[in-house]
Amino acid sequence: MNRWLLTKLLEWGKTQIGDVNMDYAYHLRDVAPSRLWRFSMIKVVEGNRKFTPADAYHTAGMAAAMVEDCGPCVQIHVNLALKDGVGADVLRALAARQLDKVPPHVALAFRYGEAVSRGEMADDMRDAIRKLWGEKGLIELAFVIATARFYPGLKRGLGFAHTCERVVVNDRVTPTAKVA
């Protein structure tokens, strides 16, 4: 795999996800470039958001990353949510796990992301999500949760994981609450 092309791919990626630590990706580029290429396809697996509101979609992924305790991953979810129009106050409340300060459908998506990531069945939440956004909305959230968990696992396996202690939302540092 062409090193120059992979470097350009990583540089483009930073324009999409924000200024986060990507040392693991450069390590893959240098040591296992074909794995980096495959890794870059995970967002293709996730797909685009079509059936759920931006705040719920990004919240579910953010919650999954928080369960995995991956600070840069949570930051990426925050950055993508901001780009997709999710309010900074909502994201700060979620980072602090103040679910009473967000709309009910956002709190539901957050709790669902946490529950699925912890291996819980979450039947009642799943039913509530189906009522709100249908089966396709449920599938969309399941995919964002699953792919959100992929990154921390890979980074932890490679020794590049960083614990989640804070996120930056619109240039304001917000301490994160540990997920129970």
Foldseek 3Di string as FASTA:
>chain_A
DDLVVLVVVVVVVCVQQHDFDDVVLVVCSVPPVVVSVVVVCLVVVLDDDDFDQLLLQLLLLLLLLLQLQFARLNQSSLRNSVVSPDDLVQSLCVQAPVLVPDDPSNSLSNVVSNQVSVVHPCVVSLVVQCVVGNPVSSVSSVSSSVSSNVVSVVCVVVVNGDGHQWYAHPNRIHGGDHDD
